[in-house]
């Protein structure tokens, strides 16, 4: 019996159910592809907003410029997820 005083708790590594290794890898690949394409489209949209808002629509230009930060932050989180999550959870 394991007690709290022992401090030796079981900590098994995560393992995929049988047959899910290839399926889940495909899902992760699709999600990364969608994230990259969304990031590209987001940056293009921000650029268009900045171009259209250049004259007499400064609010639109400012929204486009501030959107760049959010798009880059989202791309960063999506691209780091595959390495960061296993690092934190010991996978």
PDB file of N, CA and C in Angstrom:
ATOM      1  N   UNK A   1       0.842  -1.178   0.000  1.00  0.00           N
ATOM      2  CA  UNK A   1       0.000   0.000   0.000  1.00  0.00           C
ATOM      3  C   UNK A   1       0.890   1.247   0.000  1.00  0.00           C
ATOM      4  N   UNK A   2       0.544   2.196  -0.826  1.00  0.00           N
ATOM      5  CA  UNK A   2       1.310   3.441  -0.919  1.00  0.00           C
ATOM      6  C   UNK A   2       0.658   4.475  -0.007  1.00  0.00           C
ATOM      7  N   UNK A   3       1.461   5.096   0.818  1.00  0.00           N
ATOM      8  CA  UNK A   3       0.955   6.146   1.693  1.00  0.00           C
ATOM      9  C   UNK A   3       1.565   7.477   1.278  1.00  0.00           C
ATOM     10  N   UNK A   4       0.983   8.555   1.762  1.00  0.00           N
ATOM     11  CA  UNK A   4       1.500   9.883   1.448  1.00  0.00           C
ATOM     12  C   UNK A   4       2.901  10.088   1.997  1.00  0.00           C
ATOM     13  N   UNK A   5       3.239   9.419   3.074  1.00  0.00           N
ATOM     14  CA  UNK A   5       4.556   9.589   3.673  1.00  0.00           C
ATOM     15  C   UNK A   5       5.647   8.965   2.813  1.00  0.00           C
ATOM     16  N   UNK A   6       5.311   7.943   2.025  1.00  0.00           N
ATOM     17  CA  UNK A   6       6.305   7.289   1.178  1.00  0.00           C
ATOM     18  C   UNK A   6       6.838   8.234   0.106  1.00  0.00           C
ATOM     19  N   UNK A   7       5.987   9.037  -0.481  1.00  0.00           N
ATOM     20  CA  UNK A   7       6.387   9.953  -1.539  1.00  0.00           C
ATOM     21  C   UNK A   7       6.759   9.251  -2.834  1.00  0.00           C
ATOM     22  N   UNK A   8       6.467   7.963  -2.957  1.00  0.00           N
ATOM     23  CA  UNK A   8       6.811   7.195  -4.142  1.00  0.00           C
ATOM     24  C   UNK A   8       5.518   6.819  -4.865  1.00  0.00           C
ATOM     25  N   UNK A   9       4.957   7.777  -5.570  1.00  0.00           N
ATOM     26  CA  UNK A   9       3.705   7.565  -6.269  1.00  0.00           C
ATOM     27  C   UNK A   9       3.960   7.029  -7.669  1.00  0.00           C
ATOM     28  N   UNK A  10       3.114   6.154  -8.165  1.00  0.00           N
ATOM     29  CA  UNK A  10       3.281   5.678  -9.539  1.00  0.00           C
ATOM     30  C   UNK A  10       3.034   6.826 -10.520  1.00  0.00           C
ATOM     31  N   UNK A  11       3.888   6.930 -11.511  1.00  0.00           N
ATOM     32  CA  UNK A  11       3.759   7.996 -12.511  1.00  0.00           C
ATOM     33  C   UNK A  11       4.066   7.409 -13.886  1.00  0.00           C
ATOM     34  N   UNK A  12       3.109   6.638 -14.435  1.00  0.00           N
ATOM     35  CA  UNK A  12       3.375   6.022 -15.731  1.00  0.00           C
ATOM     36  C   UNK A  12       3.367   7.059 -16.861  1.00  0.00           C
ATOM     37  N   UNK A  13       4.141   6.782 -17.898  1.00  0.00           N
ATOM     38  CA  UNK A  13       4.148   7.650 -19.076  1.00  0.00           C
ATOM     39  C   UNK A  13       2.847   7.443 -19.841  1.00  0.00           C
ATOM     40  N   UNK A  14       2.373   8.494 -20.520  1.00  0.00           N
ATOM     41  CA  UNK A  14       1.158   8.328 -21.319  1.00  0.00           C
ATOM     42  C   UNK A  14       1.421   7.377 -22.489  1.00  0.00           C
ATOM     43  N   UNK A  15       0.430   6.594 -22.808  1.00  0.00           N
ATOM     44  CA  UNK A  15       0.546   5.700 -23.955  1.00  0.00           C
ATOM     45  C   UNK A  15      -0.766   5.721 -24.727  1.00  0.00           C
ATOM     46  N   UNK A  16      -0.635   5.660 -26.025  1.00  0.00           N
ATOM     47  CA  UNK A  16      -1.814   5.699 -26.893  1.00  0.00           C
ATOM     48  C   UNK A  16      -2.526   4.349 -26.879  1.00  0.00           C
ATOM     49  N   UNK A  17      -3.837   4.369 -27.011  1.00  0.00           N
ATOM     50  CA  UNK A  17      -4.559   3.102 -27.147  1.00  0.00           C
ATOM     51  C   UNK A  17      -4.094   2.380 -28.414  1.00  0.00           C
ATOM     52  N   UNK A  18      -4.180   1.086 -28.451  1.00  0.00           N
ATOM     53  CA  UNK A  18      -3.725   0.344 -29.624  1.00  0.00           C
ATOM     54  C   UNK A  18      -4.408   0.825 -30.904  1.00  0.00           C
ATOM     55  N   UNK A  19      -3.610   1.091 -31.912  1.00  0.00           N
ATOM     56  CA  UNK A  19      -4.127   1.526 -33.203  1.00  0.00           C
ATOM     57  C   UNK A  19      -4.322   3.021 -33.345  1.00  0.00           C
ATOM     58  N   UNK A  20      -4.156   3.780 -32.274  1.00  0.00           N
ATOM     59  CA  UNK A  20      -4.392   5.227 -32.335  1.00  0.00           C
ATOM     60  C   UNK A  20      -3.145   6.032 -32.674  1.00  0.00           C
ATOM     61  N   UNK A  21      -1.962   5.415 -32.667  1.00  0.00           N
ATOM     62  CA  UNK A  21      -0.731   6.164 -32.911  1.00  0.00           C
ATOM     63  C   UNK A  21      -0.782   6.885 -34.258  1.00  0.00           C
ATOM     64  N   UNK A  22      -1.146   6.155 -35.320  1.00  0.00           N
ATOM     65  CA  UNK A  22      -1.183   6.745 -36.659  1.00  0.00           C
ATOM     66  C   UNK A  22      -2.351   7.710 -36.810  1.00  0.00           C
ATOM     67  N   UNK A  23      -3.489   7.348 -36.256  1.00  0.00           N
ATOM     68  CA  UNK A  23      -4.683   8.195 -36.386  1.00  0.00           C
ATOM     69  C   UNK A  23      -4.462   9.536 -35.703  1.00  0.00           C
ATOM     70  N   UNK A  24      -3.981   9.509 -34.471  1.00  0.00           N
ATOM     71  CA  UNK A  24      -3.785  10.758 -33.729  1.00  0.00           C
ATOM     72  C   UNK A  24      -2.696  11.606 -34.363  1.00  0.00           C
ATOM     73  N   UNK A  25      -1.643  10.970 -34.862  1.00  0.00           N
ATOM     74  CA  UNK A  25      -0.601  11.709 -35.567  1.00  0.00           C
ATOM     75  C   UNK A  25      -1.149  12.440 -36.774  1.00  0.00           C
ATOM     76  N   UNK A  26      -2.077  11.812 -37.469  1.00  0.00           N
ATOM     77  CA  UNK A  26      -2.736  12.467 -38.609  1.00  0.00           C
ATOM     78  C   UNK A  26      -3.555  13.666 -38.168  1.00  0.00           C
ATOM     79  N   UNK A  27      -4.263  13.520 -37.064  1.00  0.00           N
ATOM     80  CA  UNK A  27      -5.066  14.640 -36.544  1.00  0.00           C
ATOM     81  C   UNK A  27      -4.183  15.818 -36.159  1.00  0.00           C
ATOM     82  N   UNK A  28      -3.076  15.523 -35.508  1.00  0.00           N
ATOM     83  CA  UNK A  28      -2.157  16.597 -35.117  1.00  0.00           C
ATOM     84  C   UNK A  28      -1.590  17.277 -36.357  1.00  0.00           C
ATOM     85  N   UNK A  29      -1.250  16.500 -37.366  1.00  0.00           N
ATOM     86  CA  UNK A  29      -0.748  17.069 -38.613  1.00  0.00           C
ATOM     87  C   UNK A  29      -1.775  17.975 -39.281  1.00  0.00           C
ATOM     88  N   UNK A  30      -3.029  17.546 -39.297  1.00  0.00           N
ATOM     89  CA  UNK A  30      -4.088  18.379 -39.879  1.00  0.00           C
ATOM     90  C   UNK A  30      -4.268  19.663 -39.080  1.00  0.00           C
ATOM     91  N   UNK A  31      -4.240  19.544 -37.756  1.00  0.00           N
ATOM     92  CA  UNK A  31      -4.417  20.728 -36.913  1.00  0.00           C
ATOM     93  C   UNK A  31      -3.277  21.725 -37.136  1.00  0.00           C
ATOM     94  N   UNK A  32      -2.035  21.225 -37.279  1.00  0.00           N
ATOM     95  CA  UNK A  32      -0.906  22.122 -37.552  1.00  0.00           C
ATOM     96  C   UNK A  32      -1.068  22.794 -38.906  1.00  0.00           C
ATOM     97  N   UNK A  33      -1.521  22.045 -39.904  1.00  0.00           N
ATOM     98  CA  UNK A  33      -1.715  22.617 -41.237  1.00  0.00           C
ATOM     99  C   UNK A  33      -2.788  23.706 -41.188  1.00  0.00           C
ATOM    100  N   UNK A  34      -3.878  23.444 -40.490  1.00  0.00           N
ATOM    101  CA  UNK A  34      -4.950  24.439 -40.360  1.00  0.00           C
ATOM    102  C   UNK A  34      -4.430  25.674 -39.633  1.00  0.00           C
ATOM    103  N   UNK A  35      -3.614  25.485 -38.599  1.00  0.00           N
ATOM    104  CA  UNK A  35      -3.051  26.626 -37.853  1.00  0.00           C
ATOM    105  C   UNK A  35      -2.149  27.471 -38.747  1.00  0.00           C
ATOM    106  N   UNK A  36      -1.311  26.815 -39.540  1.00  0.00           N
ATOM    107  CA  UNK A  36      -0.407  27.569 -40.421  1.00  0.00           C
ATOM    108  C   UNK A  36      -1.201  28.327 -41.476  1.00  0.00           C
ATOM    109  N   UNK A  37      -2.168  27.672 -42.097  1.00  0.00           N
ATOM    110  CA  UNK A  37      -2.972  28.346 -43.125  1.00  0.00           C
ATOM    111  C   UNK A  37      -3.784  29.494 -42.517  1.00  0.00           C
ATOM    112  N   UNK A  38      -4.308  29.300 -41.317  1.00  0.00           N
ATOM    113  CA  UNK A  38      -5.056  30.369 -40.651  1.00  0.00           C
ATOM    114  C   UNK A  38      -4.140  31.548 -40.325  1.00  0.00           C
ATOM    115  N   UNK A  39      -2.904  31.247 -39.920  1.00  0.00           N
ATOM    116  CA  UNK A  39      -1.945  32.315 -39.639  1.00  0.00           C
ATOM    117  C   UNK A  39      -1.601  33.112 -40.885  1.00  0.00           C
ATOM    118  N   UNK A  40      -1.414  32.417 -42.003  1.00  0.00           N
ATOM    119  CA  UNK A  40      -1.120  33.113 -43.265  1.00  0.00           C
ATOM    120  C   UNK A  40      -2.294  33.992 -43.666  1.00  0.00           C
ATOM    121  N   UNK A  41      -3.497  33.430 -43.616  1.00  0.00           N
ATOM    122  CA  UNK A  41      -4.677  34.219 -43.974  1.00  0.00           C
ATOM    123  C   UNK A  41      -4.900  35.377 -43.006  1.00  0.00           C
ATOM    124  N   UNK A  42      -4.599  35.162 -41.733  1.00  0.00           N
ATOM    125  CA  UNK A  42      -4.740  36.233 -40.741  1.00  0.00           C
ATOM    126  C   UNK A  42      -3.790  37.383 -41.009  1.00  0.00           C
ATOM    127  N   UNK A  43      -2.540  37.072 -41.356  1.00  0.00           N
ATOM    128  CA  UNK A  43      -1.586  38.139 -41.668  1.00  0.00           C
ATOM    129  C   UNK A  43      -1.972  38.875 -42.944  1.00  0.00           C
ATOM    130  N   UNK A  44      -2.482  38.147 -43.926  1.00  0.00           N
ATOM    131  CA  UNK A  44      -2.948  38.799 -45.150  1.00  0.00           C
ATOM    132  C   UNK A  44      -4.116  39.728 -44.830  1.00  0.00           C
ATOM    133  N   UNK A  45      -5.052  39.261 -44.001  1.00  0.00           N
ATOM    134  CA  UNK A  45      -6.201  40.097 -43.628  1.00  0.00           C
ATOM    135  C   UNK A  45      -5.748  41.350 -42.883  1.00  0.00           C
ATOM    136  N   UNK A  46      -4.766  41.213 -41.993  1.00  0.00           N
ATOM    137  CA  UNK A  46      -4.249  42.376 -41.271  1.00  0.00           C
ATOM    138  C   UNK A  46      -3.619  43.374 -42.239  1.00  0.00           C
ATOM    139  N   UNK A  47      -2.877  42.871 -43.220  1.00  0.00           N
ATOM    140  CA  UNK A  47      -2.273  43.752 -44.214  1.00  0.00           C
ATOM    141  C   UNK A  47      -3.313  44.490 -45.042  1.00  0.00           C
ATOM    142  N   UNK A  48      -4.368  43.789 -45.427  1.00  0.00           N
ATOM    143  CA  UNK A  48      -5.448  44.436 -46.196  1.00  0.00           C
ATOM    144  C   UNK A  48      -6.129  45.503 -45.354  1.00  0.00           C
ATOM    145  N   UNK A  49      -6.373  45.207 -44.083  1.00  0.00           N
ATOM    146  CA  UNK A  49      -6.997  46.200 -43.209  1.00  0.00           C
ATOM    147  C   UNK A  49      -6.116  47.443 -43.081  1.00  0.00           C
ATOM    148  N   UNK A  50      -4.816  47.242 -42.985  1.00  0.00           N
ATOM    149  CA  UNK A  50      -3.911  48.386 -42.872  1.00  0.00           C
ATOM    150  C   UNK A  50      -3.894  49.201 -44.164  1.00  0.00           C
ATOM    151  N   UNK A  51      -3.929  48.520 -45.306  1.00  0.00           N
ATOM    152  CA  UNK A  51      -3.936  49.242 -46.585  1.00  0.00           C
ATOM    153  C   UNK A  51      -5.229  50.025 -46.778  1.00  0.00           C
ATOM    154  N   UNK A  52      -6.359  49.400 -46.463  1.00  0.00           N
ATOM    155  CA  UNK A  52      -7.641  50.070 -46.649  1.00  0.00           C
ATOM    156  C   UNK A  52      -7.848  51.203 -45.651  1.00  0.00           C
ATOM    157  N   UNK A  53      -7.275  51.066 -44.475  1.00  0.00           N
ATOM    158  CA  UNK A  53      -7.473  52.071 -43.446  1.00  0.00           C
ATOM    159  C   UNK A  53      -6.466  53.193 -43.470  1.00  0.00           C
ATOM    160  N   UNK A  54      -5.632  53.225 -44.482  1.00  0.00           N
ATOM    161  CA  UNK A  54      -4.586  54.240 -44.539  1.00  0.00           C
ATOM    162  C   UNK A  54      -5.147  55.653 -44.591  1.00  0.00           C
ATOM    163  N   UNK A  55      -6.172  55.868 -45.356  1.00  0.00           N
ATOM    164  CA  UNK A  55      -6.740  57.218 -45.508  1.00  0.00           C
ATOM    165  C   UNK A  55      -8.153  57.282 -44.950  1.00  0.00           C
ATOM    166  N   UNK A  56      -8.361  58.174 -44.027  1.00  0.00           N
ATOM    167  CA  UNK A  56      -9.676  58.480 -43.453  1.00  0.00           C
ATOM    168  C   UNK A  56     -10.327  57.314 -42.711  1.00  0.00           C
ATOM    169  N   UNK A  57      -9.629  56.236 -42.520  1.00  0.00           N
ATOM    170  CA  UNK A  57     -10.147  55.126 -41.732  1.00  0.00           C
ATOM    171  C   UNK A  57      -9.036  54.628 -40.814  1.00  0.00           C
ATOM    172  N   UNK A  58      -8.506  55.491 -40.025  1.00  0.00           N
ATOM    173  CA  UNK A  58      -7.348  55.137 -39.210  1.00  0.00           C
ATOM    174  C   UNK A  58      -7.669  54.042 -38.194  1.00  0.00           C
ATOM    175  N   UNK A  59      -8.938  53.968 -37.783  1.00  0.00           N
ATOM    176  CA  UNK A  59      -9.309  52.913 -36.836  1.00  0.00           C
ATOM    177  C   UNK A  59      -9.120  51.533 -37.463  1.00  0.00           C
ATOM    178  N   UNK A  60      -9.475  51.392 -38.733  1.00  0.00           N
ATOM    179  CA  UNK A  60      -9.311  50.117 -39.431  1.00  0.00           C
ATOM    180  C   UNK A  60      -7.834  49.759 -39.553  1.00  0.00           C
ATOM    181  N   UNK A  61      -7.007  50.746 -39.851  1.00  0.00           N
ATOM    182  CA  UNK A  61      -5.564  50.501 -39.950  1.00  0.00           C
ATOM    183  C   UNK A  61      -4.991  50.094 -38.593  1.00  0.00           C
ATOM    184  N   UNK A  62      -5.452  50.742 -37.538  1.00  0.00           N
ATOM    185  CA  UNK A  62      -4.964  50.407 -36.202  1.00  0.00           C
ATOM    186  C   UNK A  62      -5.401  48.996 -35.800  1.00  0.00           C
ATOM    187  N   UNK A  63      -6.614  48.603 -36.155  1.00  0.00           N
ATOM    188  CA  UNK A  63      -7.077  47.239 -35.871  1.00  0.00           C
ATOM    189  C   UNK A  63      -6.238  46.215 -36.626  1.00  0.00           C
ATOM    190  N   UNK A  64      -5.907  46.521 -37.866  1.00  0.00           N
ATOM    191  CA  UNK A  64      -5.057  45.612 -38.638  1.00  0.00           C
ATOM    192  C   UNK A  64      -3.674  45.484 -38.034  1.00  0.00           C
ATOM    193  N   UNK A  65      -3.096  46.600 -37.610  1.00  0.00           N
ATOM    194  CA  UNK A  65      -1.756  46.572 -37.023  1.00  0.00           C
ATOM    195  C   UNK A  65      -1.753  45.822 -35.693  1.00  0.00           C
ATOM    196  N   UNK A  66      -2.766  46.035 -34.879  1.00  0.00           N
ATOM    197  CA  UNK A  66      -2.803  45.323 -33.594  1.00  0.00           C
ATOM    198  C   UNK A  66      -3.137  43.847 -33.788  1.00  0.00           C
ATOM    199  N   UNK A  67      -3.813  43.526 -34.864  1.00  0.00           N
ATOM    200  CA  UNK A  67      -4.135  42.127 -35.150  1.00  0.00           C
ATOM    201  C   UNK A  67      -2.899  41.301 -35.470  1.00  0.00           C
ATOM    202  N   UNK A  68      -1.853  41.937 -35.991  1.00  0.00           N
ATOM    203  CA  UNK A  68      -0.626  41.217 -36.320  1.00  0.00           C
ATOM    204  C   UNK A  68      -0.050  40.550 -35.074  1.00  0.00           C
ATOM    205  N   UNK A  69      -0.072  41.262 -33.965  1.00  0.00           N
ATOM    206  CA  UNK A  69       0.457  40.708 -32.713  1.00  0.00           C
ATOM    207  C   UNK A  69      -0.310  39.456 -32.319  1.00  0.00           C
ATOM    208  N   UNK A  70      -1.639  39.495 -32.427  1.00  0.00           N
ATOM    209  CA  UNK A  70      -2.463  38.358 -32.033  1.00  0.00           C
ATOM    210  C   UNK A  70      -2.273  37.183 -32.978  1.00  0.00           C
ATOM    211  N   UNK A  71      -2.128  37.455 -34.266  1.00  0.00           N
ATOM    212  CA  UNK A  71      -1.903  36.365 -35.222  1.00  0.00           C
ATOM    213  C   UNK A  71      -0.567  35.681 -34.940  1.00  0.00           C
ATOM    214  N   UNK A  72       0.475  36.473 -34.725  1.00  0.00           N
ATOM    215  CA  UNK A  72       1.787  35.892 -34.440  1.00  0.00           C
ATOM    216  C   UNK A  72       1.768  35.131 -33.111  1.00  0.00           C
ATOM    217  N   UNK A  73       1.053  35.646 -32.121  1.00  0.00           N
ATOM    218  CA  UNK A  73       0.937  34.934 -30.843  1.00  0.00           C
ATOM    219  C   UNK A  73       0.222  33.595 -31.034  1.00  0.00           C
ATOM    220  N   UNK A  74      -0.831  33.586 -31.830  1.00  0.00           N
ATOM    221  CA  UNK A  74      -1.553  32.342 -32.085  1.00  0.00           C
ATOM    222  C   UNK A  74      -0.713  31.328 -32.835  1.00  0.00           C
ATOM    223  N   UNK A  75       0.036  31.785 -33.833  1.00  0.00           N
ATOM    224  CA  UNK A  75       0.922  30.886 -34.570  1.00  0.00           C
ATOM    225  C   UNK A  75       1.985  30.322 -33.630  1.00  0.00           C
ATOM    226  N   UNK A  76       2.503  31.149 -32.744  1.00  0.00           N
ATOM    227  CA  UNK A  76       3.535  30.698 -31.810  1.00  0.00           C
ATOM    228  C   UNK A  76       2.999  29.618 -30.878  1.00  0.00           C
ATOM    229  N   UNK A  77       1.825  29.835 -30.342  1.00  0.00           N
ATOM    230  CA  UNK A  77       1.235  28.845 -29.433  1.00  0.00           C
ATOM    231  C   UNK A  77       0.978  27.533 -30.171  1.00  0.00           C
ATOM    232  N   UNK A  78       0.439  27.622 -31.380  1.00  0.00           N
ATOM    233  CA  UNK A  78       0.146  26.408 -32.145  1.00  0.00           C
ATOM    234  C   UNK A  78       1.415  25.647 -32.505  1.00  0.00           C
ATOM    235  N   UNK A  79       2.466  26.356 -32.855  1.00  0.00           N
ATOM    236  CA  UNK A  79       3.691  25.673 -33.258  1.00  0.00           C
ATOM    237  C   UNK A  79       4.466  25.123 -32.067  1.00  0.00           C
ATOM    238  N   UNK A  80       4.327  25.728 -30.905  1.00  0.00           N
ATOM    239  CA  UNK A  80       5.037  25.251 -29.724  1.00  0.00           C
ATOM    240  C   UNK A  80       4.281  24.153 -28.970  1.00  0.00           C
ATOM    241  N   UNK A  81       3.032  23.943 -29.295  1.00  0.00           N
ATOM    242  CA  UNK A  81       2.215  22.987 -28.543  1.00  0.00           C
ATOM    243  C   UNK A  81       2.774  21.575 -28.558  1.00  0.00           C
ATOM    244  N   UNK A  82       3.264  21.124 -29.706  1.00  0.00           N
ATOM    245  CA  UNK A  82       3.792  19.766 -29.801  1.00  0.00           C
ATOM    246  C   UNK A  82       5.011  19.529 -28.932  1.00  0.00           C
ATOM    247  N   UNK A  83       5.803  20.547 -28.686  1.00  0.00           N
ATOM    248  CA  UNK A  83       6.990  20.390 -27.841  1.00  0.00           C
ATOM    249  C   UNK A  83       6.760  20.767 -26.389  1.00  0.00           C
ATOM    250  N   UNK A  84       5.889  21.740 -26.161  1.00  0.00           N
ATOM    251  CA  UNK A  84       5.695  22.247 -24.804  1.00  0.00           C
ATOM    252  C   UNK A  84       4.857  21.306 -23.939  1.00  0.00           C
ATOM    253  N   UNK A  85       3.794  20.775 -24.498  1.00  0.00           N
ATOM    254  CA  UNK A  85       2.905  19.928 -23.694  1.00  0.00           C
ATOM    255  C   UNK A  85       3.632  18.670 -23.205  1.00  0.00           C
ATOM    256  N   UNK A  86       4.338  17.932 -24.086  1.00  0.00           N
ATOM    257  CA  UNK A  86       5.061  16.769 -23.563  1.00  0.00           C
ATOM    258  C   UNK A  86       6.154  17.153 -22.546  1.00  0.00           C
ATOM    259  N   UNK A  87       6.755  18.330 -22.707  1.00  0.00           N
ATOM    260  CA  UNK A  87       7.783  18.752 -21.769  1.00  0.00           C
ATOM    261  C   UNK A  87       7.187  18.947 -20.374  1.00  0.00           C
ATOM    262  N   UNK A  88       6.020  19.578 -20.295  1.00  0.00           N
ATOM    263  CA  UNK A  88       5.406  19.850 -19.009  1.00  0.00           C
ATOM    264  C   UNK A  88       4.806  18.592 -18.360  1.00  0.00           C
ATOM    265  N   UNK A  89       4.313  17.696 -19.175  1.00  0.00           N
ATOM    266  CA  UNK A  89       3.632  16.528 -18.635  1.00  0.00           C
ATOM    267  C   UNK A  89       4.454  15.250 -18.701  1.00  0.00           C
ATOM    268  N   UNK A  90       5.698  15.364 -19.095  1.00  0.00           N
ATOM    269  CA  UNK A  90       6.607  14.224 -19.072  1.00  0.00           C
ATOM    270  C   UNK A  90       6.257  13.109 -20.024  1.00  0.00           C
ATOM    271  N   UNK A  91       5.697  13.455 -21.166  1.00  0.00           N
ATOM    272  CA  UNK A  91       5.323  12.417 -22.145  1.00  0.00           C
ATOM    273  C   UNK A  91       6.542  11.904 -22.863  1.00  0.00           C
TER     274      UNK A  91
END
